[in-house]
Amino acid sequence: MGLLRVMMPPKLQLLALLAFAVAMFFLENQIQKLEESRGKLERAIARHEVREIEQRHTQDGQRDRDSAATVSNSEDDMVIIYNRVPKTASTSFTNIAYDLCGKNHYHVLHINTTKNNPVMSLQDQVRFVKNVTEWREMKPAFYHGHVSFLDFTKFGVKRKPIYINVIRDPIERLVSYYYFLRFGDDYRPGLRRRKQGDKKTFDECVSAGGSDCAPEKLWLQIPFFCGHYSECWNVGSQWALEQAKYNLVNEYMLVGVTEELEDFVMMLEAALPRFFKGATELYKTGKKSHLRKTSEKKPPTKESIAKLQQSAIWKMENEFYEFALEQFQFVRAHAVREKDGELYLLAQNFFYEKIYPKN
């Protein structure tokens, strides 16, 4: 006898298929909820473990006080060095530090070198390192000045200061400096400047091949980051460029750019609230945010820019600027987000778990 084949009507087949699909959707939804619950449970367990440890520490009152004192002493021992490059909005940023120092309880000290020489003698280097590390009455401290990078490890220092800085598009920086030497700024308008009386525009200077607008004058940001080595100040040195890049990523906590100064201030406030709590709001609303503006500054023509961009020195300084900009934007991308035209800081994105021993 042959087998009887039972054929299911098409409508029943469709209903069965729909029922199967609904069941699978329900199952996937339940699995997702279970995964979410598991994640919440893991975080709850982690928080519980942290609370247990905190409670055990609290029971030992003396240990807790010692621990708090250690953290406090660590913050109160902090030193920041801002070895500011001329004409990069450094005065605008430094004024924020001055406005906040009383409220946030730290000292601001200006490093005033003779004739603004960015290179210190060896004996002055030793004195400066000794002051920064041992001058406890001035800690926590924010030092600023037109001084090239100084490697504290060469002097046997165990705890190095935190370096920060801001750089600018090299041609825009040179143009600003050119007019500053002739017309000053709105900060101290009555002060006589070194080139006062020279009415020649930057374009006229470039066209005439003048020394104040020569490509060699672009060589400044690289040696400031390169430091106190003789090769750093050899104009056009490839070694100096590479050393400046190395120092930027290895020795500086954060390097911003003039064109995005507000983002720089916001990130510093998030990373170093001991110094910069309230800095972002002050930058946006304070009267001194953009205090110093060069007077009589005229934008250069495309021809002047193109002429400077032909030089090998501009190419190196611009390479360094682009390198710094890329690094800054990378750090910013992992720290802030933009919503409705406003920047906001990301919340803490890590937590501790599996903390042992339990007792």
Protein backbone atom coordinates (compact mmCIF):
# COMPACT_ATOMS: atom_id res chain seq x y z
CA MET A 1 0.00 0.00 0.00
CA GLY A 2 1.47 3.40 -0.90
CA LEU A 3 2.02 6.16 1.71
CA LEU A 4 -0.69 8.78 1.96
CA ARG A 5 0.67 12.32 1.51
CA VAL A 6 -1.24 14.84 3.59
CA MET A 7 -1.23 18.20 1.84
CA MET A 8 -1.70 21.33 4.04
CA PRO A 9 -3.90 23.98 2.46
CA PRO A 10 -2.02 27.16 1.37
CA LYS A 11 -3.86 29.31 3.94
CA LEU A 12 -2.78 27.02 6.76
CA GLN A 13 0.81 27.09 5.42
CA LEU A 14 0.77 30.90 5.48
CA LEU A 15 -0.67 30.96 8.98
CA ALA A 16 1.97 28.49 10.16
CA LEU A 17 4.71 30.62 8.62
CA LEU A 18 3.35 33.77 10.27
CA ALA A 19 3.08 31.98 13.60
CA PHE A 20 6.68 30.83 13.27
CA ALA A 21 7.84 34.37 12.42
CA VAL A 22 5.98 35.84 15.39
CA ALA A 23 7.45 33.20 17.67
CA MET A 24 10.99 33.94 16.41
CA PHE A 25 10.47 37.70 16.86
CA PHE A 26 9.19 37.12 20.39
CA LEU A 27 12.15 34.85 21.14
CA GLU A 28 14.71 37.36 19.80
CA ASN A 29 13.03 40.12 21.82
CA GLN A 30 13.25 38.04 24.97
CA ILE A 31 16.90 37.21 24.29
CA GLN A 32 17.67 40.93 23.86
CA LYS A 33 15.92 41.72 27.14
CA LEU A 34 17.90 38.98 28.85
CA GLU A 35 21.14 40.44 27.48
CA GLU A 36 20.19 43.89 28.73
CA SER A 37 19.27 42.46 32.14
CA ARG A 38 22.57 40.60 32.28
CA GLY A 39 24.45 43.83 31.52
CA LYS A 40 22.55 45.69 34.24
CA LEU A 41 23.23 42.88 36.67
CA GLU A 42 26.96 42.92 35.90
CA ARG A 43 27.11 46.69 36.47
CA ALA A 44 25.08 46.36 39.68
CA ILE A 45 27.45 43.65 40.93
CA ALA A 46 30.43 45.84 40.04
CA ARG A 47 28.93 48.83 41.90
CA HIS A 48 28.21 46.57 44.87
CA GLU A 49 31.82 45.37 44.91
CA VAL A 50 33.06 48.95 44.82
CA ARG A 51 30.71 49.92 47.69
CA GLU A 52 31.92 46.96 49.75
CA ILE A 53 35.51 48.07 49.38
CA GLU A 54 34.61 51.69 50.10
CA GLN A 55 32.77 50.61 53.26
CA ARG A 56 35.77 48.59 54.45
CA HIS A 57 38.00 51.60 53.89
CA THR A 58 35.56 53.86 55.72
CA GLN A 59 35.68 51.56 58.74
CA ASP A 60 39.34 52.27 59.04
CA GLY A 61 39.01 56.01 59.66
CA GLN A 62 42.71 56.74 59.82
CA ARG A 63 43.44 54.96 56.57
CA ASP A 64 40.62 56.84 54.93
CA ARG A 65 41.95 60.20 56.13
CA ASP A 66 45.44 59.30 54.99
CA SER A 67 44.12 58.32 51.58
CA ALA A 68 42.18 61.57 51.23
CA ALA A 69 45.23 63.54 52.32
CA THR A 70 47.33 61.76 49.71
CA VAL A 71 44.92 62.69 46.92
CA SER A 72 44.72 66.27 48.17
CA ASN A 73 48.49 66.55 48.40
CA SER A 74 48.82 65.13 44.89
CA GLU A 75 46.55 67.81 43.45
CA ASP A 76 48.08 70.57 45.54
CA ASP A 77 51.53 69.56 44.30
CA MET A 78 50.50 69.89 40.65
CA VAL A 79 52.41 72.19 38.28
CA ILE A 80 51.36 73.19 34.75
CA ILE A 81 53.75 74.81 32.28
CA TYR A 82 52.34 76.70 29.32
CA ASN A 83 55.37 77.57 27.19
CA ARG A 84 53.34 79.89 25.01
CA VAL A 85 54.22 80.55 21.38
CA PRO A 86 53.94 84.27 20.47
CA LYS A 87 50.80 85.39 18.62
CA THR A 88 48.74 82.24 19.11
CA ALA A 89 46.04 83.79 21.36
CA SER A 90 48.31 83.01 24.30
CA THR A 91 47.43 86.19 26.22
CA SER A 92 43.71 85.54 25.79
CA PHE A 93 44.12 82.04 27.21
CA THR A 94 46.49 83.12 29.99
CA ASN A 95 43.97 85.71 31.18
CA ILE A 96 41.56 82.86 31.87
CA ALA A 97 44.15 81.31 34.19
CA TYR A 98 44.60 84.66 35.96
CA ASP A 99 40.85 85.13 36.35
CA LEU A 100 40.39 81.66 37.86
CA CYS A 101 43.45 81.42 40.14
CA GLY A 102 41.81 83.08 43.15
CA LYS A 103 38.61 81.09 42.89
CA ASN A 104 40.35 77.76 42.26
CA HIS A 105 43.21 78.41 44.68
CA TYR A 106 46.41 78.13 42.65
CA HIS A 107 49.26 80.48 41.71
CA VAL A 108 50.02 81.94 38.29
CA LEU A 109 53.63 82.89 37.53
CA HIS A 110 54.94 84.59 34.39
CA ILE A 111 58.38 83.42 33.19
CA ASN A 112 59.91 86.68 31.99
CA THR A 113 63.18 86.00 30.15
CA THR A 114 65.62 88.73 29.14
CA LYS A 115 64.69 90.05 25.67
CA ASN A 116 62.11 87.26 25.44
CA ASN A 117 64.88 84.79 24.71
CA PRO A 118 63.19 81.33 24.49
CA VAL A 119 66.44 79.46 25.23
CA MET A 120 67.70 79.43 28.83
CA SER A 121 71.32 79.07 29.84
CA LEU A 122 72.23 75.78 31.49
CA GLN A 123 72.47 77.42 34.92
CA ASP A 124 69.05 79.03 34.44
CA GLN A 125 67.62 75.69 33.41
CA VAL A 126 68.83 74.21 36.70
CA ARG A 127 67.42 77.15 38.66
CA PHE A 128 64.08 76.94 36.87
CA VAL A 129 63.75 73.18 37.43
CA LYS A 130 64.61 73.65 41.09
CA ASN A 131 62.03 76.44 41.47
CA VAL A 132 59.26 74.49 39.76
CA THR A 133 59.83 71.31 41.75
CA GLU A 134 60.79 72.68 45.18
CA TRP A 135 58.97 76.01 45.54
CA ARG A 136 56.18 74.53 47.64
CA GLU A 137 54.72 77.87 48.70
CA MET A 138 53.73 78.47 45.07
CA LYS A 139 52.05 75.09 44.50
CA PRO A 140 49.74 74.31 42.83
CA ALA A 141 51.18 76.50 40.09
CA PHE A 142 50.53 77.59 36.52
CA TYR A 143 53.73 78.86 34.85
CA HIS A 144 53.57 80.63 31.49
CA GLY A 145 56.11 82.35 29.28
CA HIS A 146 57.75 82.44 25.86
CA VAL A 147 60.19 79.62 26.64
CA SER A 148 60.97 76.56 24.55
CA PHE A 149 60.25 73.09 25.89
CA LEU A 150 62.55 71.92 28.69
CA ASP A 151 62.96 68.21 29.45
CA PHE A 152 62.81 67.89 33.25
CA THR A 153 63.95 64.25 33.23
CA LYS A 154 67.48 65.39 32.31
CA PHE A 155 67.74 66.91 35.76
CA GLY A 156 66.73 63.81 37.71
CA VAL A 157 63.22 64.99 38.52
CA LYS A 158 60.86 62.21 39.60
CA ARG A 159 57.59 64.03 38.97
CA LYS A 160 57.49 66.14 35.83
CA PRO A 161 55.20 69.14 35.34
CA ILE A 162 52.25 68.96 32.97
CA TYR A 163 52.94 70.72 29.66
CA ILE A 164 50.16 72.31 27.58
CA ASN A 165 50.30 74.63 24.57
CA VAL A 166 48.44 76.21 21.65
CA ILE A 167 49.68 76.63 18.08
CA ARG A 168 48.40 78.48 15.05
CA ASP A 169 48.42 78.36 11.26
CA PRO A 170 52.04 79.45 10.56
CA ILE A 171 51.27 82.18 8.01
CA GLU A 172 48.44 83.65 10.09
CA ARG A 173 50.76 83.68 13.11
CA LEU A 174 53.50 85.49 11.14
CA VAL A 175 51.07 88.08 9.75
CA SER A 176 49.75 88.78 13.25
CA TYR A 177 53.28 89.16 14.61
CA TYR A 178 54.29 91.44 11.70
CA TYR A 179 51.52 93.95 12.45
CA PHE A 180 51.92 93.58 16.21
CA LEU A 181 55.52 94.84 15.96
CA ARG A 182 54.28 97.94 14.11
CA PHE A 183 50.89 98.78 15.61
CA GLY A 184 50.70 96.85 18.90
CA ASP A 185 47.33 95.70 20.17
CA ASP A 186 44.28 96.88 22.09
CA TYR A 187 45.70 95.54 25.37
CA ARG A 188 48.39 98.22 25.75
CA PRO A 189 47.73 100.64 22.87
CA GLY A 190 50.05 103.36 24.19
CA LEU A 191 53.15 101.13 24.36
CA ARG A 192 55.74 101.93 21.68
CA ARG A 193 56.57 98.88 19.57
CA ARG A 194 59.89 97.95 18.02
CA LYS A 195 58.81 98.66 14.41
CA GLN A 196 56.45 101.52 15.18
CA GLY A 197 56.33 104.04 12.34
CA ASP A 198 56.88 101.45 9.61
CA LYS A 199 53.65 101.66 7.58
CA LYS A 200 54.61 99.01 5.02
CA THR A 201 51.94 96.33 4.70
CA PHE A 202 52.72 92.64 4.91
CA ASP A 203 52.02 92.27 1.19
CA GLU A 204 54.44 95.08 0.37
CA CYS A 205 57.05 93.43 2.56
CA VAL A 206 56.64 90.08 0.76
CA SER A 207 56.75 91.75 -2.64
CA ALA A 208 59.97 93.59 -1.71
CA GLY A 209 61.57 90.50 -0.15
CA GLY A 210 61.80 92.11 3.28
CA SER A 211 63.42 90.33 6.22
CA ASP A 212 60.44 90.71 8.60
CA CYS A 213 58.24 88.60 6.33
CA ALA A 214 60.89 86.19 5.05
CA PRO A 215 60.18 82.42 5.24
CA GLU A 216 62.84 82.12 7.95
CA LYS A 217 60.51 84.09 10.28
CA LEU A 218 58.03 81.20 10.07
CA TRP A 219 60.49 78.96 11.94
CA LEU A 220 59.19 79.32 15.50
CA GLN A 221 56.60 76.74 16.51
CA ILE A 222 58.87 73.80 15.65
CA PRO A 223 61.80 75.00 17.81
CA PHE A 224 59.44 75.92 20.68
CA PHE A 225 58.32 72.30 20.84
CA CYS A 226 61.72 70.86 19.96
CA GLY A 227 63.39 72.49 22.94
CA HIS A 228 66.82 73.42 24.23
CA TYR A 229 68.92 71.53 21.67
CA SER A 230 71.11 73.44 19.21
CA GLU A 231 69.64 71.60 16.23
CA CYS A 232 66.16 72.82 17.16
CA TRP A 233 67.12 76.34 16.17
CA ASN A 234 68.77 75.45 12.87
CA VAL A 235 66.19 76.77 10.42
CA GLY A 236 64.81 74.00 8.22
CA SER A 237 66.17 71.10 10.29
CA GLN A 238 64.31 67.85 9.62
CA TRP A 239 65.60 66.49 12.94
CA ALA A 240 64.02 69.44 14.75
CA LEU A 241 60.66 68.76 13.07
CA GLU A 242 60.67 65.11 14.12
CA GLN A 243 61.76 65.98 17.68
CA ALA A 244 58.97 68.57 17.92
CA LYS A 245 56.43 65.94 16.85
CA TYR A 246 57.83 63.47 19.36
CA ASN A 247 57.62 65.97 22.19
CA LEU A 248 54.09 67.01 21.25
CA VAL A 249 52.68 63.49 21.58
CA ASN A 250 54.91 62.29 24.43
CA GLU A 251 55.51 65.33 26.65
CA TYR A 252 52.37 67.46 26.30
CA MET A 253 49.08 66.52 27.91
CA LEU A 254 47.15 68.64 25.41
CA VAL A 255 48.03 70.95 22.53
CA GLY A 256 45.21 73.02 21.07
CA VAL A 257 44.96 75.30 18.05
CA THR A 258 44.08 78.99 18.02
CA GLU A 259 41.28 78.39 15.53
CA GLU A 260 39.49 76.04 17.99
CA LEU A 261 40.42 77.65 21.31
CA GLU A 262 37.03 77.14 22.96
CA ASP A 263 37.27 73.36 22.47
CA PHE A 264 40.76 73.44 23.99
CA VAL A 265 39.47 75.31 27.05
CA MET A 266 36.53 72.91 27.46
CA MET A 267 38.78 69.84 27.34
CA LEU A 268 41.19 71.34 29.87
CA GLU A 269 38.32 72.04 32.24
CA ALA A 270 37.22 68.40 31.98
CA ALA A 271 40.73 66.99 32.42
CA LEU A 272 42.13 69.45 35.00
CA PRO A 273 39.21 70.91 37.00
CA ARG A 274 41.60 71.71 39.87
CA PHE A 275 42.83 74.59 37.69
CA PHE A 276 40.20 75.16 35.01
CA LYS A 277 36.83 74.69 36.72
CA GLY A 278 34.62 77.43 35.27
CA ALA A 279 36.97 78.16 32.34
CA THR A 280 34.51 77.35 29.55
CA GLU A 281 31.80 79.65 30.88
CA LEU A 282 34.38 82.37 31.48
CA TYR A 283 35.69 82.01 27.92
CA LYS A 284 32.19 82.36 26.49
CA THR A 285 30.97 85.22 28.66
CA GLY A 286 34.01 86.87 30.23
CA LYS A 287 35.16 90.31 29.16
CA LYS A 288 38.79 89.17 28.83
CA SER A 289 38.29 86.12 26.61
CA HIS A 290 39.60 87.83 23.47
CA LEU A 291 41.27 90.71 25.24
CA ARG A 292 44.32 91.04 23.03
CA LYS A 293 43.79 91.81 19.35
CA THR A 294 46.51 93.05 17.02
CA SER A 295 45.74 96.49 15.61
CA GLU A 296 45.69 97.49 11.94
CA LYS A 297 46.07 93.90 10.77
CA LYS A 298 45.34 93.39 7.06
CA PRO A 299 44.83 89.89 5.60
CA PRO A 300 47.54 88.95 3.08
CA THR A 301 46.69 88.47 -0.57
CA LYS A 302 46.63 85.08 -2.25
CA GLU A 303 49.82 86.05 -4.07
CA SER A 304 51.70 86.70 -0.83
CA ILE A 305 50.47 83.46 0.67
CA ALA A 306 51.41 81.49 -2.43
CA LYS A 307 54.91 82.97 -2.39
CA LEU A 308 55.50 81.94 1.22
CA GLN A 309 54.07 78.50 0.59
CA GLN A 310 56.78 77.84 -1.98
CA SER A 311 59.42 77.75 0.72
CA ALA A 312 60.63 74.53 2.35
CA ILE A 313 60.38 76.21 5.75
CA TRP A 314 56.66 76.87 5.37
CA LYS A 315 56.13 73.26 4.28
CA MET A 316 57.84 72.00 7.44
CA GLU A 317 56.06 74.40 9.81
CA ASN A 318 52.75 73.63 8.11
CA GLU A 319 53.42 69.90 8.41
CA PHE A 320 53.93 70.36 12.13
CA TYR A 321 50.75 72.44 12.42
CA GLU A 322 48.71 69.84 10.51
CA PHE A 323 50.21 67.11 12.72
CA ALA A 324 49.18 69.00 15.87
CA LEU A 325 45.72 69.74 14.47
CA GLU A 326 45.12 66.08 13.62
CA GLN A 327 46.20 65.01 17.11
CA PHE A 328 43.98 67.62 18.75
CA GLN A 329 40.97 66.63 16.68
CA PHE A 330 41.59 62.97 17.51
CA VAL A 331 41.61 63.71 21.25
CA ARG A 332 38.55 65.93 20.91
CA ALA A 333 36.59 63.29 18.98
CA HIS A 334 36.99 60.94 21.95
CA ALA A 335 36.08 63.60 24.52
CA VAL A 336 33.18 65.70 23.20
CA ARG A 337 30.09 65.45 21.00
CA GLU A 338 28.09 68.11 19.17
CA LYS A 339 24.32 68.43 19.52
CA ASP A 340 22.17 71.25 18.18
CA GLY A 341 25.28 73.28 17.49
CA GLU A 342 26.56 72.96 21.07
CA LEU A 343 29.50 70.91 22.30
CA TYR A 344 29.12 68.72 25.36
CA LEU A 345 31.55 66.46 27.17
CA LEU A 346 31.13 62.70 27.15
CA ALA A 347 30.38 61.03 30.47
CA GLN A 348 32.77 58.51 32.03
CA ASN A 349 32.86 55.51 29.74
CA PHE A 350 34.50 52.88 31.95
CA PHE A 351 33.89 51.21 35.30
CA TYR A 352 35.64 48.71 37.55
CA GLU A 353 34.55 45.14 38.17
CA LYS A 354 35.84 41.77 39.36
CA ILE A 355 37.64 43.47 42.24
CA TYR A 356 39.68 41.06 44.40
CA PRO A 357 40.44 40.13 47.09
CA LYS A 358 36.95 40.36 48.59
CA ASN A 359 38.20 40.93 52.15
